[in-house]
Amino acid sequence: MLEKVYEFYTGAEKSIERVIMDENVHLMRMVLPKGDALPEHCTNANVYMIVARGTLSISLEDGERNEYAAGHVLNIPEHIKMNVKNFYDETLELFVVKAPAPKK
């Protein structure tokens, strides 16, 4: 078998799961029910946020909140402060890709 296979949690309960963490890429799956948020933090790499379900509410640096529905992909540069929260009834599901993988 030449390919390497990864599995990820497919449930709807709150989770932040590291699916792939290697020297090439970091891939995480995040599930945030209504009212849940990520801690405010700065990106440590070039980040792609893929909205798979729900609505992503995000503010970058100290800017206003923007919202993105399922089917959108955001690209956020390294060293950007961000706030992510789910304000809606529908569960928010994101895949976050850091590529290239952050340098330690």
PDB file of N, CA and C in Angstrom:
ATOM      1  N   MET A   1       0.844  -1.179   0.000  1.00  0.00           N
ATOM      2  CA  MET A   1       0.000   0.000   0.000  1.00  0.00           C
ATOM      3  C   MET A   1       0.885   1.236   0.000  1.00  0.00           C
ATOM      4  N   LEU A   2       0.750   2.059  -1.002  1.00  0.00           N
ATOM      5  CA  LEU A   2       1.581   3.253  -1.121  1.00  0.00           C
ATOM      6  C   LEU A   2       1.017   4.441  -0.361  1.00  0.00           C
ATOM      7  N   GLU A   3      -0.291   4.506  -0.263  1.00  0.00           N
ATOM      8  CA  GLU A   3      -0.911   5.652   0.388  1.00  0.00           C
ATOM      9  C   GLU A   3      -0.911   5.494   1.902  1.00  0.00           C
ATOM     10  N   LYS A   4      -0.933   6.623   2.570  1.00  0.00           N
ATOM     11  CA  LYS A   4      -1.106   6.636   4.014  1.00  0.00           C
ATOM     12  C   LYS A   4      -2.532   7.106   4.269  1.00  0.00           C
ATOM     13  N   VAL A   5      -3.256   6.406   5.108  1.00  0.00           N
ATOM     14  CA  VAL A   5      -4.673   6.695   5.330  1.00  0.00           C
ATOM     15  C   VAL A   5      -4.857   7.309   6.717  1.00  0.00           C
ATOM     16  N   TYR A   6      -5.663   8.356   6.779  1.00  0.00           N
ATOM     17  CA  TYR A   6      -5.988   9.024   8.035  1.00  0.00           C
ATOM     18  C   TYR A   6      -7.496   8.958   8.228  1.00  0.00           C
ATOM     19  N   GLU A   7      -7.915   8.856   9.461  1.00  0.00           N
ATOM     20  CA  GLU A   7      -9.338   8.895   9.776  1.00  0.00           C
ATOM     21  C   GLU A   7      -9.594  10.100  10.671  1.00  0.00           C
ATOM     22  N   PHE A   8     -10.839  10.608  10.607  1.00  0.00           N
ATOM     23  CA  PHE A   8     -11.212  11.685  11.505  1.00  0.00           C
ATOM     24  C   PHE A   8     -12.609  11.454  12.039  1.00  0.00           C
ATOM     25  N   TYR A   9     -12.866  12.042  13.189  1.00  0.00           N
ATOM     26  CA  TYR A   9     -14.147  11.974  13.876  1.00  0.00           C
ATOM     27  C   TYR A   9     -15.202  12.615  12.986  1.00  0.00           C
ATOM     28  N   THR A  10     -16.387  12.021  12.905  1.00  0.00           N
ATOM     29  CA  THR A  10     -17.441  12.561  12.036  1.00  0.00           C
ATOM     30  C   THR A  10     -18.672  13.008  12.807  1.00  0.00           C
ATOM     31  N   GLY A  11     -18.596  13.025  14.130  1.00  0.00           N
ATOM     32  CA  GLY A  11     -19.743  13.414  14.946  1.00  0.00           C
ATOM     33  C   GLY A  11     -19.959  14.913  14.975  1.00  0.00           C
ATOM     34  N   ALA A  12     -21.015  15.327  15.690  1.00  0.00           N
ATOM     35  CA  ALA A  12     -21.405  16.732  15.751  1.00  0.00           C
ATOM     36  C   ALA A  12     -21.099  17.372  17.107  1.00  0.00           C
ATOM     37  N   GLU A  13     -20.557  16.614  18.057  1.00  0.00           N
ATOM     38  CA  GLU A  13     -20.221  17.190  19.353  1.00  0.00           C
ATOM     39  C   GLU A  13     -18.953  18.042  19.215  1.00  0.00           C
ATOM     40  N   LYS A  14     -18.805  18.995  20.135  1.00  0.00           N
ATOM     41  CA  LYS A  14     -17.644  19.887  20.086  1.00  0.00           C
ATOM     42  C   LYS A  14     -16.357  19.080  20.060  1.00  0.00           C
ATOM     43  N   SER A  15     -15.485  19.428  19.121  1.00  0.00           N
ATOM     44  CA  SER A  15     -14.174  18.779  19.066  1.00  0.00           C
ATOM     45  C   SER A  15     -13.200  19.636  18.278  1.00  0.00           C
ATOM     46  N   ILE A  16     -11.951  19.512  18.637  1.00  0.00           N
ATOM     47  CA  ILE A  16     -10.846  20.072  17.867  1.00  0.00           C
ATOM     48  C   ILE A  16      -9.856  18.925  17.730  1.00  0.00           C
ATOM     49  N   GLU A  17      -9.795  18.385  16.531  1.00  0.00           N
ATOM     50  CA  GLU A  17      -9.033  17.162  16.299  1.00  0.00           C
ATOM     51  C   GLU A  17      -7.877  17.416  15.348  1.00  0.00           C
ATOM     52  N   ARG A  18      -6.714  16.961  15.728  1.00  0.00           N
ATOM     53  CA  ARG A  18      -5.546  17.003  14.855  1.00  0.00           C
ATOM     54  C   ARG A  18      -5.568  15.747  13.997  1.00  0.00           C
ATOM     55  N   VAL A  19      -5.834  15.902  12.721  1.00  0.00           N
ATOM     56  CA  VAL A  19      -5.950  14.762  11.817  1.00  0.00           C
ATOM     57  C   VAL A  19      -4.580  14.404  11.251  1.00  0.00           C
ATOM     58  N   ILE A  20      -3.872  15.388  10.717  1.00  0.00           N
ATOM     59  CA  ILE A  20      -2.521  15.183  10.173  1.00  0.00           C
ATOM     60  C   ILE A  20      -1.619  16.260  10.758  1.00  0.00           C
ATOM     61  N   MET A  21      -0.509  15.847  11.318  1.00  0.00           N
ATOM     62  CA  MET A  21       0.470  16.785  11.860  1.00  0.00           C
ATOM     63  C   MET A  21       1.842  16.271  11.450  1.00  0.00           C
ATOM     64  N   ASP A  22       2.297  16.639  10.262  1.00  0.00           N
ATOM     65  CA  ASP A  22       3.630  16.210   9.848  1.00  0.00           C
ATOM     66  C   ASP A  22       4.419  17.405   9.337  1.00  0.00           C
ATOM     67  N   GLU A  23       5.585  17.157   8.800  1.00  0.00           N
ATOM     68  CA  GLU A  23       6.470  18.260   8.379  1.00  0.00           C
ATOM     69  C   GLU A  23       5.959  18.988   7.142  1.00  0.00           C
ATOM     70  N   ASN A  24       4.969  18.422   6.444  1.00  0.00           N
ATOM     71  CA  ASN A  24       4.445  19.042   5.225  1.00  0.00           C
ATOM     72  C   ASN A  24       3.197  19.874   5.444  1.00  0.00           C
ATOM     73  N   VAL A  25       2.295  19.349   6.257  1.00  0.00           N
ATOM     74  CA  VAL A  25       0.990  19.987   6.421  1.00  0.00           C
ATOM     75  C   VAL A  25       0.399  19.648   7.786  1.00  0.00           C
ATOM     76  N   HIS A  26      -0.381  20.555   8.315  1.00  0.00           N
ATOM     77  CA  HIS A  26      -1.204  20.287   9.485  1.00  0.00           C
ATOM     78  C   HIS A  26      -2.654  20.392   9.032  1.00  0.00           C
ATOM     79  N   LEU A  27      -3.452  19.379   9.368  1.00  0.00           N
ATOM     80  CA  LEU A  27      -4.871  19.368   9.032  1.00  0.00           C
ATOM     81  C   LEU A  27      -5.649  19.088  10.306  1.00  0.00           C
ATOM     82  N   MET A  28      -6.578  19.996  10.621  1.00  0.00           N
ATOM     83  CA  MET A  28      -7.408  19.830  11.803  1.00  0.00           C
ATOM     84  C   MET A  28      -8.879  19.900  11.411  1.00  0.00           C
ATOM     85  N   ARG A  29      -9.705  19.201  12.172  1.00  0.00           N
ATOM     86  CA  ARG A  29     -11.160  19.290  12.014  1.00  0.00           C
ATOM     87  C   ARG A  29     -11.694  19.869  13.307  1.00  0.00           C
ATOM     88  N   MET A  30     -12.523  20.914  13.168  1.00  0.00           N
ATOM     89  CA  MET A  30     -13.084  21.579  14.337  1.00  0.00           C
ATOM     90  C   MET A  30     -14.597  21.593  14.226  1.00  0.00           C
ATOM     91  N   VAL A  31     -15.258  21.238  15.320  1.00  0.00           N
ATOM     92  CA  VAL A  31     -16.706  21.253  15.395  1.00  0.00           C
ATOM     93  C   VAL A  31     -17.084  22.141  16.576  1.00  0.00           C
ATOM     94  N   LEU A  32     -17.846  23.209  16.280  1.00  0.00           N
ATOM     95  CA  LEU A  32     -18.234  24.159  17.322  1.00  0.00           C
ATOM     96  C   LEU A  32     -19.749  24.326  17.328  1.00  0.00           C
ATOM     97  N   PRO A  33     -20.443  23.801  18.349  1.00  0.00           N
ATOM     98  CA  PRO A  33     -21.878  24.059  18.481  1.00  0.00           C
ATOM     99  C   PRO A  33     -22.128  25.542  18.789  1.00  0.00           C
ATOM    100  N   LYS A  34     -23.376  25.938  18.754  1.00  0.00           N
ATOM    101  CA  LYS A  34     -23.757  27.335  19.002  1.00  0.00           C
ATOM    102  C   LYS A  34     -23.125  27.836  20.301  1.00  0.00           C
ATOM    103  N   GLY A  35     -22.524  29.035  20.228  1.00  0.00           N
ATOM    104  CA  GLY A  35     -21.937  29.685  21.385  1.00  0.00           C
ATOM    105  C   GLY A  35     -20.494  29.314  21.653  1.00  0.00           C
ATOM    106  N   ASP A  36     -19.996  28.263  21.032  1.00  0.00           N
ATOM    107  CA  ASP A  36     -18.601  27.866  21.246  1.00  0.00           C
ATOM    108  C   ASP A  36     -17.668  28.687  20.369  1.00  0.00           C
ATOM    109  N   ALA A  37     -16.428  28.829  20.838  1.00  0.00           N
ATOM    110  CA  ALA A  37     -15.444  29.648  20.142  1.00  0.00           C
ATOM    111  C   ALA A  37     -14.057  29.046  20.317  1.00  0.00           C
ATOM    112  N   LEU A  38     -13.153  29.487  19.466  1.00  0.00           N
ATOM    113  CA  LEU A  38     -11.737  29.182  19.650  1.00  0.00           C
ATOM    114  C   LEU A  38     -11.127  30.297  20.492  1.00  0.00           C
ATOM    115  N   PRO A  39     -10.091  30.019  21.244  1.00  0.00           N
ATOM    116  CA  PRO A  39      -9.415  31.106  21.960  1.00  0.00           C
ATOM    117  C   PRO A  39      -8.813  32.088  20.949  1.00  0.00           C
ATOM    118  N   GLU A  40      -8.844  33.370  21.285  1.00  0.00           N
ATOM    119  CA  GLU A  40      -8.191  34.359  20.423  1.00  0.00           C
ATOM    120  C   GLU A  40      -6.715  33.992  20.320  1.00  0.00           C
ATOM    121  N   HIS A  41      -6.197  34.005  19.085  1.00  0.00           N
ATOM    122  CA  HIS A  41      -4.793  33.655  18.892  1.00  0.00           C
ATOM    123  C   HIS A  41      -4.318  34.194  17.548  1.00  0.00           C
ATOM    124  N   CYS A  42      -2.992  34.192  17.373  1.00  0.00           N
ATOM    125  CA  CYS A  42      -2.385  34.584  16.100  1.00  0.00           C
ATOM    126  C   CYS A  42      -2.025  33.321  15.328  1.00  0.00           C
ATOM    127  N   THR A  43      -2.206  33.386  14.038  1.00  0.00           N
ATOM    128  CA  THR A  43      -1.851  32.254  13.191  1.00  0.00           C
ATOM    129  C   THR A  43      -0.342  32.038  13.240  1.00  0.00           C
ATOM    130  N   ASN A  44       0.063  30.774  13.254  1.00  0.00           N
ATOM    131  CA  ASN A  44       1.488  30.453  13.286  1.00  0.00           C
ATOM    132  C   ASN A  44       1.975  29.900  11.946  1.00  0.00           C
ATOM    133  N   ALA A  45       1.111  30.039  10.915  1.00  0.00           N
ATOM    134  CA  ALA A  45       1.437  29.570   9.568  1.00  0.00           C
ATOM    135  C   ALA A  45       0.415  30.171   8.612  1.00  0.00           C
ATOM    136  N   ASN A  46       0.611  29.947   7.342  1.00  0.00           N
ATOM    137  CA  ASN A  46      -0.398  30.265   6.343  1.00  0.00           C
ATOM    138  C   ASN A  46      -1.559  29.293   6.567  1.00  0.00           C
ATOM    139  N   VAL A  47      -2.774  29.805   6.738  1.00  0.00           N
ATOM    140  CA  VAL A  47      -3.914  28.975   7.133  1.00  0.00           C
ATOM    141  C   VAL A  47      -5.017  29.036   6.076  1.00  0.00           C
ATOM    142  N   TYR A  48      -5.585  27.864   5.782  1.00  0.00           N
ATOM    143  CA  TYR A  48      -6.793  27.764   4.966  1.00  0.00           C
ATOM    144  C   TYR A  48      -7.894  27.232   5.863  1.00  0.00           C
ATOM    145  N   MET A  49      -9.013  27.938   5.943  1.00  0.00           N
ATOM    146  CA  MET A  49     -10.163  27.495   6.730  1.00  0.00           C
ATOM    147  C   MET A  49     -11.263  27.109   5.755  1.00  0.00           C
ATOM    148  N   ILE A  50     -11.662  25.844   5.791  1.00  0.00           N
ATOM    149  CA  ILE A  50     -12.676  25.306   4.887  1.00  0.00           C
ATOM    150  C   ILE A  50     -13.953  25.121   5.697  1.00  0.00           C
ATOM    151  N   VAL A  51     -14.996  25.871   5.352  1.00  0.00           N
ATOM    152  CA  VAL A  51     -16.262  25.794   6.079  1.00  0.00           C
ATOM    153  C   VAL A  51     -17.077  24.654   5.461  1.00  0.00           C
ATOM    154  N   ALA A  52     -17.218  23.563   6.220  1.00  0.00           N
ATOM    155  CA  ALA A  52     -17.932  22.386   5.728  1.00  0.00           C
ATOM    156  C   ALA A  52     -19.412  22.413   6.096  1.00  0.00           C
ATOM    157  N   ARG A  53     -19.743  23.050   7.227  1.00  0.00           N
ATOM    158  CA  ARG A  53     -21.137  23.090   7.686  1.00  0.00           C
ATOM    159  C   ARG A  53     -21.313  24.294   8.593  1.00  0.00           C
ATOM    160  N   GLY A  54     -22.477  24.924   8.537  1.00  0.00           N
ATOM    161  CA  GLY A  54     -22.776  26.052   9.407  1.00  0.00           C
ATOM    162  C   GLY A  54     -22.226  27.356   8.854  1.00  0.00           C
ATOM    163  N   THR A  55     -22.072  28.330   9.764  1.00  0.00           N
ATOM    164  CA  THR A  55     -21.585  29.662   9.402  1.00  0.00           C
ATOM    165  C   THR A  55     -20.419  30.033  10.299  1.00  0.00           C
ATOM    166  N   LEU A  56     -19.297  30.344   9.688  1.00  0.00           N
ATOM    167  CA  LEU A  56     -18.102  30.788  10.398  1.00  0.00           C
ATOM    168  C   LEU A  56     -18.210  32.288  10.646  1.00  0.00           C
ATOM    169  N   SER A  57     -18.098  32.693  11.907  1.00  0.00           N
ATOM    170  CA  SER A  57     -18.012  34.111  12.269  1.00  0.00           C
ATOM    171  C   SER A  57     -16.579  34.358  12.707  1.00  0.00           C
ATOM    172  N   ILE A  58     -15.901  35.275  12.019  1.00  0.00           N
ATOM    173  CA  ILE A  58     -14.475  35.488  12.282  1.00  0.00           C
ATOM    174  C   ILE A  58     -14.140  36.964  12.188  1.00  0.00           C
ATOM    175  N   SER A  59     -13.307  37.428  13.107  1.00  0.00           N
ATOM    176  CA  SER A  59     -12.738  38.771  12.994  1.00  0.00           C
ATOM    177  C   SER A  59     -11.225  38.618  13.012  1.00  0.00           C
ATOM    178  N   LEU A  60     -10.584  39.371  12.129  1.00  0.00           N
ATOM    179  CA  LEU A  60      -9.131  39.317  11.977  1.00  0.00           C
ATOM    180  C   LEU A  60      -8.527  40.634  12.431  1.00  0.00           C
ATOM    181  N   GLU A  61      -7.392  40.519  13.122  1.00  0.00           N
ATOM    182  CA  GLU A  61      -6.769  41.665  13.761  1.00  0.00           C
ATOM    183  C   GLU A  61      -7.841  42.294  14.653  1.00  0.00           C
ATOM    184  N   ASP A  62      -8.105  43.563  14.552  1.00  0.00           N
ATOM    185  CA  ASP A  62      -9.171  44.152  15.364  1.00  0.00           C
ATOM    186  C   ASP A  62     -10.309  44.628  14.473  1.00  0.00           C
ATOM    187  N   GLY A  63     -10.460  43.981  13.319  1.00  0.00           N
ATOM    188  CA  GLY A  63     -11.484  44.368  12.363  1.00  0.00           C
ATOM    189  C   GLY A  63     -12.860  43.856  12.738  1.00  0.00           C
ATOM    190  N   GLU A  64     -13.832  44.230  11.923  1.00  0.00           N
ATOM    191  CA  GLU A  64     -15.205  43.810  12.173  1.00  0.00           C
ATOM    192  C   GLU A  64     -15.381  42.332  11.868  1.00  0.00           C
ATOM    193  N   ARG A  65     -16.449  41.775  12.390  1.00  0.00           N
ATOM    194  CA  ARG A  65     -16.750  40.357  12.192  1.00  0.00           C
ATOM    195  C   ARG A  65     -17.282  40.127  10.783  1.00  0.00           C
ATOM    196  N   ASN A  66     -16.749  39.109  10.132  1.00  0.00           N
ATOM    197  CA  ASN A  66     -17.250  38.664   8.833  1.00  0.00           C
ATOM    198  C   ASN A  66     -17.797  37.261   8.999  1.00  0.00           C
ATOM    199  N   GLU A  67     -18.719  36.898   8.111  1.00  0.00           N
ATOM    200  CA  GLU A  67     -19.344  35.582   8.202  1.00  0.00           C
ATOM    201  C   GLU A  67     -19.269  34.876   6.862  1.00  0.00           C
ATOM    202  N   TYR A  68     -19.027  33.558   6.943  1.00  0.00           N
ATOM    203  CA  TYR A  68     -18.871  32.737   5.747  1.00  0.00           C
ATOM    204  C   TYR A  68     -19.644  31.444   5.937  1.00  0.00           C
ATOM    205  N   ALA A  69     -20.500  31.134   4.984  1.00  0.00           N
ATOM    206  CA  ALA A  69     -21.322  29.928   5.037  1.00  0.00           C
ATOM    207  C   ALA A  69     -20.550  28.734   4.496  1.00  0.00           C
ATOM    208  N   ALA A  70     -21.124  27.548   4.691  1.00  0.00           N
ATOM    209  CA  ALA A  70     -20.542  26.319   4.161  1.00  0.00           C
ATOM    210  C   ALA A  70     -20.262  26.486   2.674  1.00  0.00           C
ATOM    211  N   GLY A  71     -19.140  25.930   2.248  1.00  0.00           N
ATOM    212  CA  GLY A  71     -18.730  26.037   0.851  1.00  0.00           C
ATOM    213  C   GLY A  71     -17.688  27.112   0.603  1.00  0.00           C
ATOM    214  N   HIS A  72     -17.297  27.852   1.638  1.00  0.00           N
ATOM    215  CA  HIS A  72     -16.275  28.885   1.494  1.00  0.00           C
ATOM    216  C   HIS A  72     -14.938  28.395   2.041  1.00  0.00           C
ATOM    217  N   VAL A  73     -13.855  28.899   1.438  1.00  0.00           N
ATOM    218  CA  VAL A  73     -12.495  28.644   1.908  1.00  0.00           C
ATOM    219  C   VAL A  73     -11.830  29.994   2.126  1.00  0.00           C
ATOM    220  N   LEU A  74     -11.320  30.218   3.329  1.00  0.00           N
ATOM    221  CA  LEU A  74     -10.593  31.447   3.645  1.00  0.00           C
ATOM    222  C   LEU A  74      -9.109  31.143   3.666  1.00  0.00           C
ATOM    223  N   ASN A  75      -8.304  32.080   3.221  1.00  0.00           N
ATOM    224  CA  ASN A  75      -6.847  31.984   3.332  1.00  0.00           C
ATOM    225  C   ASN A  75      -6.399  33.134   4.223  1.00  0.00           C
ATOM    226  N   ILE A  76      -5.774  32.795   5.339  1.00  0.00           N
ATOM    227  CA  ILE A  76      -5.336  33.794   6.313  1.00  0.00           C
ATOM    228  C   ILE A  76      -3.819  33.687   6.441  1.00  0.00           C
ATOM    229  N   PRO A  77      -3.114  34.804   6.235  1.00  0.00           N
ATOM    230  CA  PRO A  77      -1.650  34.770   6.325  1.00  0.00           C
ATOM    231  C   PRO A  77      -1.164  34.504   7.752  1.00  0.00           C
ATOM    232  N   GLU A  78       0.105  34.190   7.840  1.00  0.00           N
ATOM    233  CA  GLU A  78       0.763  33.968   9.122  1.00  0.00           C
ATOM    234  C   GLU A  78       0.792  35.256   9.941  1.00  0.00           C
ATOM    235  N   HIS A  79       0.766  35.119  11.260  1.00  0.00           N
ATOM    236  CA  HIS A  79       0.894  36.212  12.239  1.00  0.00           C
ATOM    237  C   HIS A  79      -0.322  37.144  12.265  1.00  0.00           C
ATOM    238  N   ILE A  80      -1.507  36.634  11.979  1.00  0.00           N
ATOM    239  CA  ILE A  80      -2.735  37.437  12.014  1.00  0.00           C
ATOM    240  C   ILE A  80      -3.554  37.011  13.233  1.00  0.00           C
ATOM    241  N   LYS A  81      -3.962  37.988  14.034  1.00  0.00           N
ATOM    242  CA  LYS A  81      -4.802  37.697  15.197  1.00  0.00           C
ATOM    243  C   LYS A  81      -6.209  37.381  14.716  1.00  0.00           C
ATOM    244  N   MET A  82      -6.802  36.311  15.292  1.00  0.00           N
ATOM    245  CA  MET A  82      -8.160  35.970  14.876  1.00  0.00           C
ATOM    246  C   MET A  82      -9.021  35.536  16.045  1.00  0.00           C
ATOM    247  N   ASN A  83     -10.319  35.810  15.870  1.00  0.00           N
ATOM    248  CA  ASN A  83     -11.359  35.376  16.791  1.00  0.00           C
ATOM    249  C   ASN A  83     -12.391  34.616  15.985  1.00  0.00           C
ATOM    250  N   VAL A  84     -12.691  33.399  16.405  1.00  0.00           N
ATOM    251  CA  VAL A  84     -13.648  32.538  15.710  1.00  0.00           C
ATOM    252  C   VAL A  84     -14.720  32.122  16.708  1.00  0.00           C
ATOM    253  N   LYS A  85     -16.000  32.255  16.290  1.00  0.00           N
ATOM    254  CA  LYS A  85     -17.104  31.858  17.164  1.00  0.00           C
ATOM    255  C   LYS A  85     -18.282  31.413  16.311  1.00  0.00           C
ATOM    256  N   ASN A  86     -19.092  30.525  16.878  1.00  0.00           N
ATOM    257  CA  ASN A  86     -20.336  30.118  16.228  1.00  0.00           C
ATOM    258  C   ASN A  86     -21.497  30.794  16.955  1.00  0.00           C
ATOM    259  N   PHE A  87     -22.145  31.739  16.298  1.00  0.00           N
ATOM    260  CA  PHE A  87     -23.278  32.459  16.865  1.00  0.00           C
ATOM    261  C   PHE A  87     -24.616  31.819  16.501  1.00  0.00           C
ATOM    262  N   TYR A  88     -24.608  30.777  15.696  1.00  0.00           N
ATOM    263  CA  TYR A  88     -25.843  30.256  15.099  1.00  0.00           C
ATOM    264  C   TYR A  88     -26.240  28.894  15.655  1.00  0.00           C
ATOM    265  N   ASP A  89     -27.513  28.538  15.467  1.00  0.00           N
ATOM    266  CA  ASP A  89     -28.030  27.254  15.950  1.00  0.00           C
ATOM    267  C   ASP A  89     -27.352  26.069  15.268  1.00  0.00           C
ATOM    268  N   GLU A  90     -27.076  26.207  13.972  1.00  0.00           N
ATOM    269  CA  GLU A  90     -26.446  25.100  13.248  1.00  0.00           C
ATOM    270  C   GLU A  90     -24.995  24.945  13.692  1.00  0.00           C
ATOM    271  N   THR A  91     -24.583  23.720  13.913  1.00  0.00           N
ATOM    272  CA  THR A  91     -23.209  23.424  14.296  1.00  0.00           C
ATOM    273  C   THR A  91     -22.253  23.877  13.196  1.00  0.00           C
ATOM    274  N   LEU A  92     -21.140  24.477  13.609  1.00  0.00           N
ATOM    275  CA  LEU A  92     -20.094  24.908  12.684  1.00  0.00           C
ATOM    276  C   LEU A  92     -19.049  23.802  12.588  1.00  0.00           C
ATOM    277  N   GLU A  93     -18.750  23.391  11.369  1.00  0.00           N
ATOM    278  CA  GLU A  93     -17.701  22.398  11.130  1.00  0.00           C
ATOM    279  C   GLU A  93     -16.686  22.997  10.171  1.00  0.00           C
ATOM    280  N   LEU A  94     -15.430  22.985  10.584  1.00  0.00           N
ATOM    281  CA  LEU A  94     -14.328  23.548   9.791  1.00  0.00           C
ATOM    282  C   LEU A  94     -13.227  22.518   9.620  1.00  0.00           C
ATOM    283  N   PHE A  95     -12.572  22.594   8.491  1.00  0.00           N
ATOM    284  CA  PHE A  95     -11.285  21.932   8.326  1.00  0.00           C
ATOM    285  C   PHE A  95     -10.266  23.051   8.213  1.00  0.00           C
ATOM    286  N   VAL A  96      -9.202  22.958   8.976  1.00  0.00           N
ATOM    287  CA  VAL A  96      -8.153  23.967   8.979  1.00  0.00           C
ATOM    288  C   VAL A  96      -6.879  23.317   8.470  1.00  0.00           C
ATOM    289  N   VAL A  97      -6.321  23.907   7.422  1.00  0.00           N
ATOM    290  CA  VAL A  97      -5.106  23.405   6.814  1.00  0.00           C
ATOM    291  C   VAL A  97      -4.010  24.451   6.984  1.00  0.00           C
ATOM    292  N   LYS A  98      -2.895  24.037   7.559  1.00  0.00           N
ATOM    293  CA  LYS A  98      -1.722  24.899   7.679  1.00  0.00           C
ATOM    294  C   LYS A  98      -0.689  24.361   6.699  1.00  0.00           C
ATOM    295  N   ALA A  99      -0.459  25.146   5.646  1.00  0.00           N
ATOM    296  CA  ALA A  99       0.470  24.702   4.609  1.00  0.00           C
ATOM    297  C   ALA A  99       1.259  25.911   4.094  1.00  0.00           C
ATOM    298  N   PRO A 100       2.569  25.826   4.145  1.00  0.00           N
ATOM    299  CA  PRO A 100       3.337  24.713   4.693  1.00  0.00           C
ATOM    300  C   PRO A 100       3.132  24.612   6.216  1.00  0.00           C
ATOM    301  N   ALA A 101       3.473  23.460   6.763  1.00  0.00           N
ATOM    302  CA  ALA A 101       3.334  23.246   8.211  1.00  0.00           C
ATOM    303  C   ALA A 101       4.151  24.282   8.951  1.00  0.00           C
ATOM    304  N   PRO A 102       3.668  24.708  10.120  1.00  0.00           N
ATOM    305  CA  PRO A 102       4.412  25.719  10.892  1.00  0.00           C
ATOM    306  C   PRO A 102       5.794  25.197  11.285  1.00  0.00           C
ATOM    307  N   LYS A 103       6.720  26.137  11.299  1.00  0.00           N
ATOM    308  CA  LYS A 103       8.043  25.810  11.822  1.00  0.00           C
ATOM    309  C   LYS A 103       7.950  25.972  13.340  1.00  0.00           C
ATOM    310  N   LYS A 104       8.502  25.095  14.059  1.00  0.00           N
ATOM    311  CA  LYS A 104       8.385  25.097  15.531  1.00  0.00           C
ATOM    312  C   LYS A 104       8.769  26.367  16.125  1.00  0.00           C
TER     313      LYS A 104
END
